[in-house]
Each structure stands twice: as structure tokens, then as C-alpha cells.
Amino acid sequence: MAQGQLWSVDAQGGYSANPKLSEKLRFSAYEMTRFRQFCNIKQEVKQAGETMNFDKILRLGTGGGTLVETNTVPSDKYTISKGTITVNEYGNKIPFTQKLELLSQFDVTNPTQQRLRDDMKDTLDAAAGAQFTAAEFKAVLISTASVNFYTNGTAATTATANLHTSTVRQIVSYMKKQRIPFYDSNGYVCVGAIDSIGSLYDAFQALIQYTKPEMMFAGEVGRYYSTRFVEENNVLDQAIGNSSAYAEACFFGADSVMEGISLAEELRADTPTDLGRSKAIGWYALLGFQKIWSYDTDSEEHILHVTSA
């Protein structure tokens, strides 16, 4: 590797980036994500270091109450806790030859860009999803009517069922009792592996028909018991529990995972080599994801991970 300021300089070797095309592929990939669409975004200027800070406002210490007419109104305070995100480099590229580009009957760059878009979506959504599955609240479905809950980040029992309307109600009730705030006015969100939420489809069809499909999340398949369900097949484990017959899911409320961006993902054309005969197109990003709350340090957790020992 040649010497130079590689950490703080965008281009050391002369790549060319296409902002318009990058933006198009970025939005196209983002609209296909399942976990990343639910992240809070913190945009950070460059040359700010690899670690970004964000504030967390903890609950009030005592809260309000009834007043005596002749007494002054009591005062309270909240505590601000700091969270940090470490940004990392992400990227991939597809090389091709000038001969292929010149002799091919189709435009080589079009399928190349499509595959890069899909790879970009899968890679960054997996990075975001890893923070959701790092939740300290764990739930294990031990039957279609019973759930075991844990708050130390470890599931101690083996799953023997997928989600059922009965266990969904227990999970949502547990989250409400833990004072996890709703994601939006409709309630919580669940991102689940395909088999995890497959048995809920009858409940979706029976209870709610979508009147505004444009308001749906990417991958949203239905709603039940104050929860909107999103199906995904990239991040969550499809084979957990007894005989590997069950699948994972994540329930969460507002302010669950933060995304820190130093450089949003973009499409780049590498500098041609060997007299222009060797070329490459790739994507690159400098960003990171971090679960916002820690039950161990903040006494709050906004995500519940349905999993197994």
C-alpha cells in the first residue's frame, strides 16, 4: 500500500463517483430494506473521528402528582446519557474487462449496478439488523400459548413454537409493562423471519384490511394487536430451537437503533488499469449502527428479540 493520508482523504487513487446515479441506487436499495428503514439517522460531518456521540434522555426521576393550593409546584429533572456509534467502511466491487464491455450485446453496467444495489441493501441491512438482535430483552416461545422472558441478553430455554396470536399478545403486553414507547401512533413494529410470522396471516386478513397501501413499511404484511408486522429473509435466523424448526423475530418501539453516517453509500467507478482493459464498478460507504438503549446501564430497552437458546 502506497503511503498517504488514507483515513481522512476521500480519494487517494482517482476514482470517480456519480452522485445522481448513487442517489438513485441508494434510495432503491433503502426502499428494499427491512431493518434499516427503522433506524434513527445521525448525519456527521467529515474529519470528526471514527466515533459519533448521541444523547439519550432518560425518564424523570419522580414525576408529577397532585398539588396543594398553598404549596409551590415541585420540580424534577431528567438525566442525559451518552451513546456512541463507531463508523466502519463497507463496500464491494465487480470487475469486468473492456473487451466484454465492447463486444457484449447488452450494456454490462446495467446488471452490474443492479447486483451492486442488491449487495449494498443486504450488507447494510444485516449490519443494522445485528443491533436489533443484540437486544437485552429476549423472548423464547415454548409453546403456541406460552413465552419465557429474559432481560440479561441471553435466552436460557429452547424454542418449540413460532409466533401465535396468543404469544403476540403476551409479548406486546410485556413490552407495554416495560414502558417501551410505541414506534408510532399504531403501536409497535415486529420484523420477523418468514416462518416466524407465517401462522399470523389468518389474523391479519381477518382483522385489518389496508386502506392506504402507500403508508405501509417495506415488507409489511399485516397488523395485529397494536403491532405492524414486516417479513424479512436476510438477517434473522430461519432455523432455531427444537430440531431447528422455528425462526427469529424482533419487536421494537421508538428510538431503537441509531445510524451514524460519515459518507452515505455511493456508486464508484474504479480507475481503469492495464491501458484501460481492466475496469470495475463498486459501492462504498462509511457509516455505522448502534442500539440506542442498554437495560444494564439505562434501565431501558426498546427492543425484544424472539430467539432460542
C-alpha atoms as a PDB file:
ATOM      1  CA  MET A   1       0.000   0.000   0.000  1.00  0.00           C
ATOM      2  CA  ALA A   2       1.436   3.362  -1.010  1.00  0.00           C
ATOM      3  CA  GLN A   3       1.921   5.871   1.780  1.00  0.00           C
ATOM      4  CA  GLY A   4      -0.543   8.754   2.091  1.00  0.00           C
ATOM      5  CA  GLN A   5      -3.408  10.217   4.092  1.00  0.00           C
ATOM      6  CA  LEU A   6      -5.765   7.266   3.539  1.00  0.00           C
ATOM      7  CA  TRP A   7      -8.023   7.750   6.575  1.00  0.00           C
ATOM      8  CA  SER A   8      -9.180  11.349   6.100  1.00  0.00           C
ATOM      9  CA  VAL A   9      -8.992  11.792   2.328  1.00  0.00           C
ATOM     10  CA  ASP A  10     -11.873  10.661   0.098  1.00  0.00           C
ATOM     11  CA  ALA A  11      -9.857   9.757  -2.992  1.00  0.00           C
ATOM     12  CA  GLN A  12      -6.265   8.600  -2.948  1.00  0.00           C
ATOM     13  CA  GLY A  13      -6.222   6.855  -6.308  1.00  0.00           C
ATOM     14  CA  GLY A  14      -8.535   8.754  -8.612  1.00  0.00           C
ATOM     15  CA  TYR A  15     -11.925   7.001  -8.524  1.00  0.00           C
ATOM     16  CA  SER A  16     -14.925   8.800  -9.981  1.00  0.00           C
ATOM     17  CA  ALA A  17     -18.278   8.853  -8.194  1.00  0.00           C
ATOM     18  CA  ASN A  18     -21.614   9.545  -9.865  1.00  0.00           C
ATOM     19  CA  PRO A  19     -23.760  11.450  -7.306  1.00  0.00           C
ATOM     20  CA  LYS A  20     -27.001  11.236  -9.313  1.00  0.00           C
ATOM     21  CA  LEU A  21     -26.679   7.521 -10.017  1.00  0.00           C
ATOM     22  CA  SER A  22     -25.515   6.870  -6.452  1.00  0.00           C
ATOM     23  CA  GLU A  23     -28.574   8.633  -5.050  1.00  0.00           C
ATOM     24  CA  LYS A  24     -30.886   6.625  -7.312  1.00  0.00           C
ATOM     25  CA  LEU A  25     -29.370   3.294  -6.286  1.00  0.00           C
ATOM     26  CA  ARG A  26     -29.229   4.353  -2.636  1.00  0.00           C
ATOM     27  CA  PHE A  27     -32.948   5.107  -2.479  1.00  0.00           C
ATOM     28  CA  SER A  28     -33.757   1.994  -4.490  1.00  0.00           C
ATOM     29  CA  ALA A  29     -31.755  -0.155  -2.065  1.00  0.00           C
ATOM     30  CA  TYR A  30     -33.111   1.633   1.009  1.00  0.00           C
ATOM     31  CA  GLU A  31     -36.703   1.010  -0.062  1.00  0.00           C
ATOM     32  CA  MET A  32     -35.930  -2.730  -0.093  1.00  0.00           C
ATOM     33  CA  THR A  33     -34.527  -2.853   3.444  1.00  0.00           C
ATOM     34  CA  ARG A  34     -36.334  -4.327   6.422  1.00  0.00           C
ATOM     35  CA  PHE A  35     -34.331  -3.264   9.500  1.00  0.00           C
ATOM     36  CA  ARG A  36     -32.526  -0.151   8.268  1.00  0.00           C
ATOM     37  CA  GLN A  37     -35.784   1.657   7.492  1.00  0.00           C
ATOM     38  CA  PHE A  38     -36.447   1.809  11.251  1.00  0.00           C
ATOM     39  CA  CYS A  39     -33.114   3.378  12.296  1.00  0.00           C
ATOM     40  CA  ASN A  40     -32.758   6.938  13.545  1.00  0.00           C
ATOM     41  CA  ILE A  41     -30.206   8.781  11.402  1.00  0.00           C
ATOM     42  CA  LYS A  42     -27.398  10.952  12.707  1.00  0.00           C
ATOM     43  CA  GLN A  43     -25.503  12.744   9.959  1.00  0.00           C
ATOM     44  CA  GLU A  44     -21.955  13.686  10.961  1.00  0.00           C
ATOM     45  CA  VAL A  45     -19.510  15.967   9.218  1.00  0.00           C
ATOM     46  CA  LYS A  46     -16.251  14.531   7.960  1.00  0.00           C
ATOM     47  CA  GLN A  47     -12.980  14.756   9.839  1.00  0.00           C
ATOM     48  CA  ALA A  48     -14.893  14.190  13.090  1.00  0.00           C
ATOM     49  CA  GLY A  49     -13.258  10.889  14.016  1.00  0.00           C
ATOM     50  CA  GLU A  50     -14.470   7.297  13.839  1.00  0.00           C
ATOM     51  CA  THR A  51     -16.811   7.620  16.839  1.00  0.00           C
ATOM     52  CA  MET A  52     -20.032   9.650  16.890  1.00  0.00           C
ATOM     53  CA  ASN A  53     -21.878  10.621  20.066  1.00  0.00           C
ATOM     54  CA  PHE A  54     -25.627  10.879  20.553  1.00  0.00           C
ATOM     55  CA  ASP A  55     -27.752  11.885  23.544  1.00  0.00           C
ATOM     56  CA  LYS A  56     -30.301   9.738  25.360  1.00  0.00           C
ATOM     57  CA  ILE A  57     -32.872  11.469  27.581  1.00  0.00           C
ATOM     58  CA  LEU A  58     -33.758   9.196  30.490  1.00  0.00           C
ATOM     59  CA  ARG A  59     -37.121   9.236  32.257  1.00  0.00           C
ATOM     60  CA  LEU A  60     -37.879  11.765  35.001  1.00  0.00           C
ATOM     61  CA  GLY A  61     -36.808  10.779  38.479  1.00  0.00           C
ATOM     62  CA  THR A  62     -40.117  11.123  40.356  1.00  0.00           C
ATOM     63  CA  GLY A  63     -42.810  12.526  38.074  1.00  0.00           C
ATOM     64  CA  GLY A  64     -45.668  14.859  38.866  1.00  0.00           C
ATOM     65  CA  GLY A  65     -48.636  14.487  41.198  1.00  0.00           C
ATOM     66  CA  THR A  66     -51.442  16.273  42.972  1.00  0.00           C
ATOM     67  CA  LEU A  67     -50.823  19.799  44.254  1.00  0.00           C
ATOM     68  CA  VAL A  68     -51.696  21.631  47.478  1.00  0.00           C
ATOM     69  CA  GLU A  69     -53.043  25.102  46.752  1.00  0.00           C
ATOM     70  CA  THR A  70     -50.632  26.907  49.066  1.00  0.00           C
ATOM     71  CA  ASN A  71     -47.536  24.929  48.099  1.00  0.00           C
ATOM     72  CA  THR A  72     -45.248  25.592  45.168  1.00  0.00           C
ATOM     73  CA  VAL A  73     -45.217  23.213  42.219  1.00  0.00           C
ATOM     74  CA  PRO A  74     -42.482  20.587  42.731  1.00  0.00           C
ATOM     75  CA  SER A  75     -39.609  20.373  40.281  1.00  0.00           C
ATOM     76  CA  ASP A  76     -37.890  17.404  38.741  1.00  0.00           C
ATOM     77  CA  LYS A  77     -35.030  16.697  36.369  1.00  0.00           C
ATOM     78  CA  TYR A  78     -34.020  14.250  33.683  1.00  0.00           C
ATOM     79  CA  THR A  79     -30.621  12.691  33.083  1.00  0.00           C
ATOM     80  CA  ILE A  80     -28.814  12.804  29.766  1.00  0.00           C
ATOM     81  CA  SER A  81     -26.840   9.693  28.896  1.00  0.00           C
ATOM     82  CA  LYS A  82     -24.321   9.465  26.070  1.00  0.00           C
ATOM     83  CA  GLY A  83     -24.287   6.811  23.396  1.00  0.00           C
ATOM     84  CA  THR A  84     -21.622   6.250  20.753  1.00  0.00           C
ATOM     85  CA  ILE A  85     -21.538   4.881  17.214  1.00  0.00           C
ATOM     86  CA  THR A  86     -18.381   3.618  15.540  1.00  0.00           C
ATOM     87  CA  VAL A  87     -18.401   4.052  11.770  1.00  0.00           C
ATOM     88  CA  ASN A  88     -16.882   1.401   9.521  1.00  0.00           C
ATOM     89  CA  GLU A  89     -16.007   1.121   5.869  1.00  0.00           C
ATOM     90  CA  TYR A  90     -18.359  -1.006   3.782  1.00  0.00           C
ATOM     91  CA  GLY A  91     -18.131  -1.827   0.101  1.00  0.00           C
ATOM     92  CA  ASN A  92     -17.830  -4.296  -2.730  1.00  0.00           C
ATOM     93  CA  LYS A  93     -16.976  -4.169  -6.427  1.00  0.00           C
ATOM     94  CA  ILE A  94     -17.466  -6.112  -9.658  1.00  0.00           C
ATOM     95  CA  PRO A  95     -14.542  -6.128 -12.122  1.00  0.00           C
ATOM     96  CA  PHE A  96     -15.063  -6.528 -15.882  1.00  0.00           C
ATOM     97  CA  THR A  97     -12.929  -6.196 -18.981  1.00  0.00           C
ATOM     98  CA  GLN A  98     -13.067  -3.619 -21.716  1.00  0.00           C
ATOM     99  CA  LYS A  99     -13.420  -6.436 -24.245  1.00  0.00           C
ATOM    100  CA  LEU A 100     -16.609  -7.639 -22.548  1.00  0.00           C
ATOM    101  CA  GLU A 101     -17.929  -4.081 -22.462  1.00  0.00           C
ATOM    102  CA  LEU A 102     -17.251  -3.529 -26.171  1.00  0.00           C
ATOM    103  CA  LEU A 103     -18.408  -6.885 -27.555  1.00  0.00           C
ATOM    104  CA  SER A 104     -21.355  -7.720 -25.316  1.00  0.00           C
ATOM    105  CA  GLN A 105     -24.816  -7.448 -26.868  1.00  0.00           C
ATOM    106  CA  PHE A 106     -26.137  -5.797 -23.724  1.00  0.00           C
ATOM    107  CA  ASP A 107     -24.946  -2.967 -21.508  1.00  0.00           C
ATOM    108  CA  VAL A 108     -22.631  -4.547 -18.931  1.00  0.00           C
ATOM    109  CA  THR A 109     -23.125  -1.714 -16.452  1.00  0.00           C
ATOM    110  CA  ASN A 110     -26.887  -2.211 -16.003  1.00  0.00           C
ATOM    111  CA  PRO A 111     -26.874  -5.732 -14.468  1.00  0.00           C
ATOM    112  CA  THR A 112     -23.672  -4.815 -12.626  1.00  0.00           C
ATOM    113  CA  GLN A 113     -25.374  -1.869 -10.951  1.00  0.00           C
ATOM    114  CA  GLN A 114     -28.434  -3.973 -10.088  1.00  0.00           C
ATOM    115  CA  ARG A 115     -26.324  -6.650  -8.394  1.00  0.00           C
ATOM    116  CA  LEU A 116     -24.353  -3.976  -6.532  1.00  0.00           C
ATOM    117  CA  ARG A 117     -27.604  -2.416  -5.352  1.00  0.00           C
ATOM    118  CA  ASP A 118     -28.824  -5.765  -4.011  1.00  0.00           C
ATOM    119  CA  ASP A 119     -25.492  -6.428  -2.309  1.00  0.00           C
ATOM    120  CA  MET A 120     -25.487  -2.944  -0.792  1.00  0.00           C
ATOM    121  CA  LYS A 121     -29.001  -3.472   0.551  1.00  0.00           C
ATOM    122  CA  ASP A 122     -28.237  -6.893   2.045  1.00  0.00           C
ATOM    123  CA  THR A 123     -24.909  -5.863   3.587  1.00  0.00           C
ATOM    124  CA  LEU A 124     -26.086  -2.671   5.279  1.00  0.00           C
ATOM    125  CA  ASP A 125     -29.416  -4.140   6.371  1.00  0.00           C
ATOM    126  CA  ALA A 126     -27.526  -7.014   8.004  1.00  0.00           C
ATOM    127  CA  ALA A 127     -25.344  -4.502   9.863  1.00  0.00           C
ATOM    128  CA  ALA A 128     -28.446  -2.696  11.109  1.00  0.00           C
ATOM    129  CA  GLY A 129     -30.210  -5.959  11.965  1.00  0.00           C
ATOM    130  CA  ALA A 130     -27.283  -7.122  14.088  1.00  0.00           C
ATOM    131  CA  GLN A 131     -28.035  -4.268  16.501  1.00  0.00           C
ATOM    132  CA  PHE A 132     -31.709  -5.239  16.761  1.00  0.00           C
ATOM    133  CA  THR A 133     -30.824  -8.852  17.588  1.00  0.00           C
ATOM    134  CA  ALA A 134     -28.361  -7.598  20.221  1.00  0.00           C
ATOM    135  CA  ALA A 135     -31.334  -6.633  22.408  1.00  0.00           C
ATOM    136  CA  GLU A 136     -31.052  -7.486  26.088  1.00  0.00           C
ATOM    137  CA  PHE A 137     -34.742  -8.387  26.220  1.00  0.00           C
ATOM    138  CA  LYS A 138     -35.115 -11.937  24.898  1.00  0.00           C
ATOM    139  CA  ALA A 139     -38.280 -13.974  24.437  1.00  0.00           C
ATOM    140  CA  VAL A 140     -38.458 -17.721  23.863  1.00  0.00           C
ATOM    141  CA  LEU A 141     -41.661 -19.295  22.581  1.00  0.00           C
ATOM    142  CA  ILE A 142     -42.021 -22.558  24.470  1.00  0.00           C
ATOM    143  CA  SER A 143     -45.494 -23.277  23.044  1.00  0.00           C
ATOM    144  CA  THR A 144     -48.156 -21.539  20.992  1.00  0.00           C
ATOM    145  CA  ALA A 145     -49.559 -20.201  24.256  1.00  0.00           C
ATOM    146  CA  SER A 146     -46.529 -19.537  26.455  1.00  0.00           C
ATOM    147  CA  VAL A 147     -43.440 -17.282  26.412  1.00  0.00           C
ATOM    148  CA  ASN A 148     -40.353 -17.130  28.603  1.00  0.00           C
ATOM    149  CA  PHE A 149     -38.808 -13.649  29.013  1.00  0.00           C
ATOM    150  CA  TYR A 150     -35.201 -12.704  29.888  1.00  0.00           C
ATOM    151  CA  THR A 151     -33.595  -9.303  30.491  1.00  0.00           C
ATOM    152  CA  ASN A 152     -29.868 -10.153  30.531  1.00  0.00           C
ATOM    153  CA  GLY A 153     -29.340 -10.636  26.801  1.00  0.00           C
ATOM    154  CA  THR A 154     -29.324 -14.437  26.961  1.00  0.00           C
ATOM    155  CA  ALA A 155     -32.112 -16.847  26.063  1.00  0.00           C
ATOM    156  CA  ALA A 156     -31.920 -19.763  28.505  1.00  0.00           C
ATOM    157  CA  THR A 157     -34.573 -22.084  27.052  1.00  0.00           C
ATOM    158  CA  THR A 158     -35.187 -23.726  23.679  1.00  0.00           C
ATOM    159  CA  ALA A 159     -37.921 -22.552  21.334  1.00  0.00           C
ATOM    160  CA  THR A 160     -40.610 -25.090  20.464  1.00  0.00           C
ATOM    161  CA  ALA A 161     -43.012 -22.832  18.548  1.00  0.00           C
ATOM    162  CA  ASN A 162     -43.297 -19.903  16.170  1.00  0.00           C
ATOM    163  CA  LEU A 163     -45.359 -16.796  16.828  1.00  0.00           C
ATOM    164  CA  HIS A 164     -49.051 -17.296  17.501  1.00  0.00           C
ATOM    165  CA  THR A 165     -51.782 -14.761  18.223  1.00  0.00           C
ATOM    166  CA  SER A 166     -51.650 -15.774  21.876  1.00  0.00           C
ATOM    167  CA  THR A 167     -47.888 -15.267  22.222  1.00  0.00           C
ATOM    168  CA  VAL A 168     -48.014 -11.994  20.263  1.00  0.00           C
ATOM    169  CA  ARG A 169     -50.471 -10.643  22.840  1.00  0.00           C
ATOM    170  CA  GLN A 170     -48.186 -11.770  25.671  1.00  0.00           C
ATOM    171  CA  ILE A 171     -45.141 -10.146  24.069  1.00  0.00           C
ATOM    172  CA  VAL A 172     -46.921  -6.857  23.396  1.00  0.00           C
ATOM    173  CA  SER A 173     -48.341  -6.790  26.922  1.00  0.00           C
ATOM    174  CA  TYR A 174     -44.849  -7.413  28.305  1.00  0.00           C
ATOM    175  CA  MET A 175     -43.449  -4.520  26.243  1.00  0.00           C
ATOM    176  CA  LYS A 176     -46.182  -2.198  27.487  1.00  0.00           C
ATOM    177  CA  LYS A 177     -45.466  -3.173  31.097  1.00  0.00           C
ATOM    178  CA  GLN A 178     -41.775  -2.433  30.478  1.00  0.00           C
ATOM    179  CA  ARG A 179     -42.863   1.054  29.308  1.00  0.00           C
ATOM    180  CA  ILE A 180     -41.357   0.640  25.853  1.00  0.00           C
ATOM    181  CA  PRO A 181     -42.750   3.569  23.815  1.00  0.00           C
ATOM    182  CA  PHE A 182     -44.785   2.858  20.690  1.00  0.00           C
ATOM    183  CA  TYR A 183     -42.950   3.179  17.391  1.00  0.00           C
ATOM    184  CA  ASP A 184     -45.796   5.312  16.035  1.00  0.00           C
ATOM    185  CA  SER A 185     -49.444   6.013  16.770  1.00  0.00           C
ATOM    186  CA  ASN A 186     -50.322   2.495  15.575  1.00  0.00           C
ATOM    187  CA  GLY A 187     -48.180   0.747  18.185  1.00  0.00           C
ATOM    188  CA  TYR A 188     -45.072  -1.423  17.890  1.00  0.00           C
ATOM    189  CA  VAL A 189     -43.276  -2.984  14.920  1.00  0.00           C
ATOM    190  CA  CYS A 190     -42.200  -6.608  14.507  1.00  0.00           C
ATOM    191  CA  VAL A 191     -39.666  -7.674  11.885  1.00  0.00           C
ATOM    192  CA  GLY A 192     -39.865 -11.433  11.610  1.00  0.00           C
ATOM    193  CA  ALA A 193     -38.363 -14.240   9.581  1.00  0.00           C
ATOM    194  CA  ILE A 194     -40.751 -15.845   7.114  1.00  0.00           C
ATOM    195  CA  ASP A 195     -41.706 -18.883   9.198  1.00  0.00           C
ATOM    196  CA  SER A 196     -41.851 -16.829  12.372  1.00  0.00           C
ATOM    197  CA  ILE A 197     -44.916 -14.846  11.333  1.00  0.00           C
ATOM    198  CA  GLY A 198     -46.389 -17.216   8.764  1.00  0.00           C
ATOM    199  CA  SER A 199     -49.032 -18.522  11.146  1.00  0.00           C
ATOM    200  CA  LEU A 200     -50.353 -14.994  11.755  1.00  0.00           C
ATOM    201  CA  TYR A 201     -51.621 -14.406   8.224  1.00  0.00           C
ATOM    202  CA  ASP A 202     -55.148 -15.537   9.036  1.00  0.00           C
ATOM    203  CA  ALA A 203     -55.292 -12.976  11.841  1.00  0.00           C
ATOM    204  CA  PHE A 204     -54.014 -10.258   9.506  1.00  0.00           C
ATOM    205  CA  GLN A 205     -56.709 -10.974   6.936  1.00  0.00           C
ATOM    206  CA  ALA A 206     -59.499 -11.266   9.481  1.00  0.00           C
ATOM    207  CA  LEU A 207     -58.794  -8.113  11.474  1.00  0.00           C
ATOM    208  CA  ILE A 208     -57.375  -5.391   9.242  1.00  0.00           C
ATOM    209  CA  GLN A 209     -57.509  -4.507   5.584  1.00  0.00           C
ATOM    210  CA  TYR A 210     -55.081  -1.861   4.402  1.00  0.00           C
ATOM    211  CA  THR A 211     -56.839   1.258   3.122  1.00  0.00           C
ATOM    212  CA  LYS A 212     -53.637   3.201   2.399  1.00  0.00           C
ATOM    213  CA  PRO A 213     -51.000   0.811   0.985  1.00  0.00           C
ATOM    214  CA  GLU A 214     -48.654   3.744   0.379  1.00  0.00           C
ATOM    215  CA  MET A 215     -48.319   4.121   4.155  1.00  0.00           C
ATOM    216  CA  MET A 216     -47.015   0.574   4.609  1.00  0.00           C
ATOM    217  CA  PHE A 217     -43.432  -0.135   5.621  1.00  0.00           C
ATOM    218  CA  ALA A 218     -41.234  -2.018   3.172  1.00  0.00           C
ATOM    219  CA  GLY A 219     -42.096  -5.699   3.613  1.00  0.00           C
ATOM    220  CA  GLU A 220     -45.118  -5.039   5.827  1.00  0.00           C
ATOM    221  CA  VAL A 221     -47.587  -7.920   5.634  1.00  0.00           C
ATOM    222  CA  GLY A 222     -50.198  -7.159   8.280  1.00  0.00           C
ATOM    223  CA  ARG A 223     -51.184  -5.763  11.667  1.00  0.00           C
ATOM    224  CA  TYR A 224     -52.357  -7.406  14.839  1.00  0.00           C
ATOM    225  CA  TYR A 225     -52.698  -6.347  18.478  1.00  0.00           C
ATOM    226  CA  SER A 226     -51.053  -2.894  18.215  1.00  0.00           C
ATOM    227  CA  THR A 227     -48.211  -4.274  16.099  1.00  0.00           C
ATOM    228  CA  ARG A 228     -47.248  -3.889  12.459  1.00  0.00           C
ATOM    229  CA  PHE A 229     -45.504  -6.971  11.051  1.00  0.00           C
ATOM    230  CA  VAL A 230     -42.679  -6.869   8.495  1.00  0.00           C
ATOM    231  CA  GLU A 231     -41.354 -10.012   6.823  1.00  0.00           C
ATOM    232  CA  GLU A 232     -37.653 -10.451   6.039  1.00  0.00           C
ATOM    233  CA  ASN A 233     -35.325 -13.217   4.798  1.00  0.00           C
ATOM    234  CA  ASN A 234     -31.811 -11.776   5.017  1.00  0.00           C
ATOM    235  CA  VAL A 235     -30.840 -11.215   8.651  1.00  0.00           C
ATOM    236  CA  LEU A 236     -32.907 -13.280  11.063  1.00  0.00           C
ATOM    237  CA  ASP A 237     -32.210 -16.955  11.672  1.00  0.00           C
ATOM    238  CA  GLN A 238     -34.776 -19.199   9.972  1.00  0.00           C
ATOM    239  CA  ALA A 239     -33.717 -22.348  11.840  1.00  0.00           C
ATOM    240  CA  ILE A 240     -33.629 -22.054  15.645  1.00  0.00           C
ATOM    241  CA  GLY A 241     -34.994 -24.011  18.573  1.00  0.00           C
ATOM    242  CA  ASN A 242     -36.029 -27.638  18.803  1.00  0.00           C
ATOM    243  CA  SER A 243     -34.970 -29.509  15.624  1.00  0.00           C
ATOM    244  CA  SER A 244     -34.123 -26.095  14.085  1.00  0.00           C
ATOM    245  CA  ALA A 245     -37.787 -25.867  13.128  1.00  0.00           C
ATOM    246  CA  TYR A 246     -38.501 -22.303  14.223  1.00  0.00           C
ATOM    247  CA  ALA A 247     -37.437 -18.751  13.384  1.00  0.00           C
ATOM    248  CA  GLU A 248     -36.465 -15.413  14.931  1.00  0.00           C
ATOM    249  CA  ALA A 249     -38.284 -12.083  15.184  1.00  0.00           C
ATOM    250  CA  CYS A 250     -37.669  -8.630  16.683  1.00  0.00           C
ATOM    251  CA  PHE A 251     -40.359  -6.481  18.328  1.00  0.00           C
ATOM    252  CA  PHE A 252     -39.457  -2.850  18.985  1.00  0.00           C
ATOM    253  CA  GLY A 253     -40.711   0.634  19.726  1.00  0.00           C
ATOM    254  CA  ALA A 254     -39.364   4.117  19.060  1.00  0.00           C
ATOM    255  CA  ASP A 255     -35.676   5.074  19.294  1.00  0.00           C
ATOM    256  CA  SER A 256     -34.332   1.559  18.909  1.00  0.00           C
ATOM    257  CA  VAL A 257     -31.201   1.795  16.734  1.00  0.00           C
ATOM    258  CA  MET A 258     -29.134   4.797  15.609  1.00  0.00           C
ATOM    259  CA  GLU A 259     -27.414   5.009  12.231  1.00  0.00           C
ATOM    260  CA  GLY A 260     -24.381   7.292  12.025  1.00  0.00           C
ATOM    261  CA  ILE A 261     -23.264   8.439   8.584  1.00  0.00           C
ATOM    262  CA  SER A 262     -19.928   9.985   7.667  1.00  0.00           C
ATOM    263  CA  LEU A 263     -20.290   9.095   3.980  1.00  0.00           C
ATOM    264  CA  ALA A 264     -23.553   7.683   2.648  1.00  0.00           C
ATOM    265  CA  GLU A 265     -23.248   4.726   0.317  1.00  0.00           C
ATOM    266  CA  GLU A 266     -22.339   5.686  -3.230  1.00  0.00           C
ATOM    267  CA  LEU A 267     -21.555   4.024  -6.533  1.00  0.00           C
ATOM    268  CA  ARG A 268     -17.979   4.372  -7.768  1.00  0.00           C
ATOM    269  CA  ALA A 269     -16.173   3.587 -10.984  1.00  0.00           C
ATOM    270  CA  ASP A 270     -12.633   2.430 -10.257  1.00  0.00           C
ATOM    271  CA  THR A 271      -9.706   3.845 -12.210  1.00  0.00           C
ATOM    272  CA  PRO A 272      -9.139   1.654 -15.316  1.00  0.00           C
ATOM    273  CA  THR A 273      -5.828  -0.205 -15.378  1.00  0.00           C
ATOM    274  CA  ASP A 274      -3.755  -2.123 -17.939  1.00  0.00           C
ATOM    275  CA  LEU A 275      -4.225   0.512 -20.659  1.00  0.00           C
ATOM    276  CA  GLY A 276      -7.946   0.701 -19.874  1.00  0.00           C
ATOM    277  CA  ARG A 277      -8.544  -3.031 -20.408  1.00  0.00           C
ATOM    278  CA  SER A 278      -9.451  -3.765 -16.764  1.00  0.00           C
ATOM    279  CA  LYS A 279     -12.362  -1.911 -15.177  1.00  0.00           C
ATOM    280  CA  ALA A 280     -14.576  -2.159 -12.084  1.00  0.00           C
ATOM    281  CA  ILE A 281     -17.712  -0.634 -10.607  1.00  0.00           C
ATOM    282  CA  GLY A 282     -18.413  -0.834  -6.895  1.00  0.00           C
ATOM    283  CA  TRP A 283     -20.131   0.721  -3.920  1.00  0.00           C
ATOM    284  CA  TYR A 284     -18.599   2.270  -0.821  1.00  0.00           C
ATOM    285  CA  ALA A 285     -19.900   3.705   2.454  1.00  0.00           C
ATOM    286  CA  LEU A 286     -18.526   4.952   5.767  1.00  0.00           C
ATOM    287  CA  LEU A 287     -21.197   4.541   8.420  1.00  0.00           C
ATOM    288  CA  GLY A 288     -22.262   2.527  11.446  1.00  0.00           C
ATOM    289  CA  PHE A 289     -25.196   1.316  13.547  1.00  0.00           C
ATOM    290  CA  GLN A 290     -25.706   1.193  17.308  1.00  0.00           C
ATOM    291  CA  LYS A 291     -28.538   0.036  19.575  1.00  0.00           C
ATOM    292  CA  ILE A 292     -29.595   3.158  21.469  1.00  0.00           C
ATOM    293  CA  TRP A 293     -30.676   1.861  24.876  1.00  0.00           C
ATOM    294  CA  SER A 294     -28.975  -0.517  27.296  1.00  0.00           C
ATOM    295  CA  TYR A 295     -31.089  -2.085  30.018  1.00  0.00           C
ATOM    296  CA  ASP A 296     -27.933  -2.695  32.042  1.00  0.00           C
ATOM    297  CA  THR A 297     -26.851   0.970  32.136  1.00  0.00           C
ATOM    298  CA  ASP A 298     -30.016   2.962  31.283  1.00  0.00           C
ATOM    299  CA  SER A 299     -32.666   0.676  32.837  1.00  0.00           C
ATOM    300  CA  GLU A 300     -34.400   0.903  29.458  1.00  0.00           C
ATOM    301  CA  GLU A 301     -34.573  -1.400  26.466  1.00  0.00           C
ATOM    302  CA  HIS A 302     -36.713  -0.676  23.407  1.00  0.00           C
ATOM    303  CA  ILE A 303     -36.221  -3.982  21.531  1.00  0.00           C
ATOM    304  CA  LEU A 304     -37.340  -7.541  22.290  1.00  0.00           C
ATOM    305  CA  HIS A 305     -35.632 -10.349  20.378  1.00  0.00           C
ATOM    306  CA  VAL A 306     -37.618 -13.558  19.877  1.00  0.00           C
ATOM    307  CA  THR A 307     -34.994 -16.295  19.736  1.00  0.00           C
ATOM    308  CA  SER A 308     -33.840 -19.556  21.354  1.00  0.00           C
ATOM    309  CA  ALA A 309     -31.014 -20.979  23.439  1.00  0.00           C
END
